[in-house]
Amino acid sequence: MTTRSRGRSRRIEPSQTAKPTDAARAMDSLRRIVHALRVATGASERAFGLSGVQLFVLRQLSAKSGQSLSELAARTRTTQSSISELVARLVRNGLVIRSPSSQDRRRAELSLSAAGEAVLVNAPETVQEKLLRGFESLDEPRQQTLADSLESWLASSGLDDVAPALFFEQSSSTA
């Protein structure tokens, strides 16, 4: 097949016009997710001085005040250790309040401060929220297939031992 571009002819190989392979589709899907996360994080850092994941955590706290760290980890679909450092940073920055529970003084409750609420007034929906909503819109068998397939792909790639981290959030061990 030949095409003309700016007066020049060039030959297009059949592989360039063929339907993308499943591997290309999967890699392109990952690239689109990573790109969306990177662009959104850059925009939220410029607009609010916060990463996309920090906005996501604030939004999850706004949905239900008084959550414990483990409840917030469940809402954000991550581990308590992953979310702990990020919450500590949000507390230091005055966006989240950590206070002892009135029912159980050993339990800390998390809530948004007035400054945290003010940030969310103009904050857009995060990519993480969109991804979770999209995932939850799939029927249960498709959710399970997707999760199983991603785990299998990581294992086949030798990446199953890489610890999951929050998207584009630097921990103190990597900062």
Protein backbone atom coordinates (compact mmCIF):
# COMPACT_ATOMS: atom_id res chain seq x y z
CA MET A 1 0.00 0.00 0.00
CA THR A 2 1.28 3.49 -0.86
CA THR A 3 0.21 6.84 0.59
CA ARG A 4 1.10 10.40 -0.35
CA SER A 5 2.25 12.85 2.31
CA ARG A 6 3.37 16.39 1.37
CA GLY A 7 3.91 15.35 -2.20
CA ARG A 8 6.06 12.34 -1.30
CA SER A 9 5.03 8.73 -1.63
CA ARG A 10 5.88 6.29 1.09
CA ARG A 11 5.21 2.63 1.44
CA ILE A 12 3.19 1.48 4.47
CA GLU A 13 3.91 -2.02 5.58
CA PRO A 14 0.88 -4.26 6.20
CA SER A 15 1.87 -4.54 9.87
CA GLN A 16 1.38 -0.77 10.22
CA THR A 17 -2.25 -0.95 9.08
CA ALA A 18 -3.16 -4.27 10.63
CA LYS A 19 -5.38 -4.57 13.66
CA PRO A 20 -3.32 -4.06 16.84
CA THR A 21 -2.29 -7.21 18.65
CA ASP A 22 -3.69 -7.99 22.08
CA ALA A 23 -0.26 -7.15 23.54
CA ALA A 24 -0.30 -3.74 21.84
CA ARG A 25 -3.85 -3.09 23.04
CA ALA A 26 -2.89 -4.00 26.61
CA MET A 27 0.26 -1.88 26.55
CA ASP A 28 -1.62 1.05 24.99
CA SER A 29 -4.29 0.78 27.70
CA LEU A 30 -1.62 0.93 30.40
CA ARG A 31 0.03 3.88 28.66
CA ARG A 32 -3.31 5.73 28.56
CA ILE A 33 -3.86 5.13 32.28
CA VAL A 34 -0.34 6.23 33.20
CA HIS A 35 -0.62 9.27 30.93
CA ALA A 36 -3.99 10.28 32.42
CA LEU A 37 -2.58 9.91 35.94
CA ARG A 38 0.57 11.89 35.09
CA VAL A 39 -1.36 14.73 33.41
CA ALA A 40 -3.93 14.91 36.22
CA THR A 41 -1.23 14.87 38.91
CA GLY A 42 0.65 17.68 37.18
CA ALA A 43 -2.54 19.73 36.87
CA SER A 44 -3.55 19.17 40.51
CA GLU A 45 -0.04 20.00 41.72
CA ARG A 46 -0.14 23.29 39.79
CA ALA A 47 -3.71 24.17 40.84
CA PHE A 48 -3.75 22.92 44.45
CA GLY A 49 -0.20 22.01 45.42
CA LEU A 50 -1.37 18.41 45.89
CA SER A 51 -0.88 15.21 43.92
CA GLY A 52 -3.83 13.46 42.30
CA VAL A 53 -3.70 10.72 44.91
CA GLN A 54 -3.79 13.30 47.72
CA LEU A 55 -6.95 14.78 46.17
CA PHE A 56 -8.35 11.25 45.85
CA VAL A 57 -7.74 10.61 49.56
CA LEU A 58 -9.32 13.94 50.52
CA ARG A 59 -12.35 13.07 48.39
CA GLN A 60 -12.65 9.66 50.08
CA LEU A 61 -12.52 11.36 53.49
CA SER A 62 -15.20 13.83 52.41
CA ALA A 63 -17.49 10.94 51.51
CA LYS A 64 -17.46 9.68 55.11
CA SER A 65 -16.02 11.65 58.01
CA GLY A 66 -14.60 9.92 61.07
CA GLN A 67 -12.96 7.02 59.23
CA SER A 68 -10.10 5.11 60.76
CA LEU A 69 -6.89 4.63 58.81
CA SER A 70 -7.89 1.06 57.95
CA GLU A 71 -11.34 2.19 56.77
CA LEU A 72 -9.72 4.84 54.56
CA ALA A 73 -7.31 2.24 53.18
CA ALA A 74 -10.29 0.07 52.25
CA ARG A 75 -12.07 3.03 50.57
CA THR A 76 -8.93 3.84 48.56
CA ARG A 77 -8.35 0.15 47.69
CA THR A 78 -4.86 0.11 49.16
CA THR A 79 -3.09 -0.98 52.34
CA GLN A 80 -2.98 0.80 55.67
CA SER A 81 0.80 1.15 55.43
CA SER A 82 0.51 2.75 51.98
CA ILE A 83 -2.03 5.31 53.11
CA SER A 84 -0.51 6.05 56.53
CA GLU A 85 2.36 8.24 55.31
CA LEU A 86 0.14 10.16 52.92
CA VAL A 87 -2.41 10.87 55.67
CA ALA A 88 0.39 12.04 57.99
CA ARG A 89 1.47 14.50 55.29
CA LEU A 90 -2.12 15.75 54.86
CA VAL A 91 -2.39 16.20 58.64
CA ARG A 92 0.92 18.15 58.70
CA ASN A 93 -0.37 20.35 55.87
CA GLY A 94 -3.55 21.13 57.81
CA LEU A 95 -5.93 19.46 55.36
CA VAL A 96 -6.91 16.50 57.57
CA ILE A 97 -7.65 16.33 61.28
CA ARG A 98 -6.71 13.23 63.26
CA SER A 99 -8.54 12.96 66.57
CA PRO A 100 -9.23 10.20 69.12
CA SER A 101 -12.58 8.44 68.79
CA SER A 102 -15.18 9.35 71.40
CA GLN A 103 -16.13 5.64 71.66
CA ASP A 104 -12.65 4.15 71.71
CA ARG A 105 -9.74 6.43 72.61
CA ARG A 106 -7.28 3.94 71.04
CA ARG A 107 -8.86 4.53 67.63
CA ALA A 108 -7.97 7.66 65.65
CA GLU A 109 -10.64 9.20 63.46
CA LEU A 110 -9.85 11.17 60.34
CA SER A 111 -11.83 14.09 58.97
CA LEU A 112 -11.30 16.99 56.65
CA SER A 113 -10.30 20.33 58.07
CA ALA A 114 -11.91 23.51 56.74
CA ALA A 115 -8.83 23.92 54.51
CA GLY A 116 -9.29 20.37 53.17
CA GLU A 117 -12.95 21.05 52.43
CA ALA A 118 -12.01 24.29 50.68
CA VAL A 119 -9.59 22.45 48.36
CA LEU A 120 -12.32 20.06 47.27
CA VAL A 121 -14.73 22.83 46.32
CA ASN A 122 -12.84 23.44 43.07
CA ALA A 123 -11.05 20.11 42.68
CA PRO A 124 -12.03 17.99 39.68
CA GLU A 125 -12.90 14.32 39.88
CA THR A 126 -9.65 12.35 40.08
CA VAL A 127 -8.51 9.72 37.61
CA GLN A 128 -8.57 7.21 40.47
CA GLU A 129 -12.27 7.95 41.04
CA LYS A 130 -12.98 7.51 37.33
CA LEU A 131 -11.06 4.22 37.22
CA LEU A 132 -12.86 2.86 40.28
CA ARG A 133 -16.26 3.91 38.96
CA GLY A 134 -15.45 2.28 35.62
CA PHE A 135 -14.26 -0.91 37.31
CA GLU A 136 -17.34 -1.06 39.52
CA SER A 137 -19.58 -0.62 36.46
CA LEU A 138 -18.28 -3.94 35.10
CA ASP A 139 -20.22 -7.03 36.09
CA GLU A 140 -18.61 -9.18 38.78
CA PRO A 141 -17.21 -11.86 36.43
CA ARG A 142 -15.48 -9.19 34.31
CA GLN A 143 -14.07 -7.54 37.44
CA GLN A 144 -12.65 -10.85 38.57
CA THR A 145 -11.28 -11.67 35.11
CA LEU A 146 -9.60 -8.27 34.84
CA ALA A 147 -8.03 -8.53 38.31
CA ASP A 148 -6.91 -12.14 37.70
CA SER A 149 -5.51 -11.28 34.27
CA LEU A 150 -3.50 -8.31 35.56
CA GLU A 151 -2.07 -10.42 38.39
CA SER A 152 -1.18 -13.22 35.95
CA TRP A 153 0.45 -10.75 33.58
CA LEU A 154 2.58 -9.32 36.39
CA ALA A 155 3.58 -12.81 37.52
CA SER A 156 4.49 -13.84 33.95
CA SER A 157 6.53 -10.66 33.62
CA GLY A 158 8.42 -11.29 36.86
CA LEU A 159 6.89 -8.18 38.44
CA ASP A 160 4.57 -9.81 40.96
CA ASP A 161 7.00 -9.08 43.79
CA VAL A 162 6.92 -5.31 43.18
CA ALA A 163 5.08 -3.67 46.05
CA PRO A 164 1.99 -1.73 44.99
CA ALA A 165 2.38 1.98 45.64
CA LEU A 166 0.03 4.90 45.41
CA PHE A 167 0.02 6.44 41.93
CA PHE A 168 2.72 9.11 41.53
CA GLU A 169 3.13 9.62 45.25
CA GLN A 170 6.65 9.74 46.61
CA SER A 171 7.25 8.02 49.92
CA SER A 172 9.93 9.27 52.29
CA SER A 173 12.01 6.21 51.40
CA THR A 174 12.09 7.25 47.72
CA ALA A 175 12.03 11.04 48.12
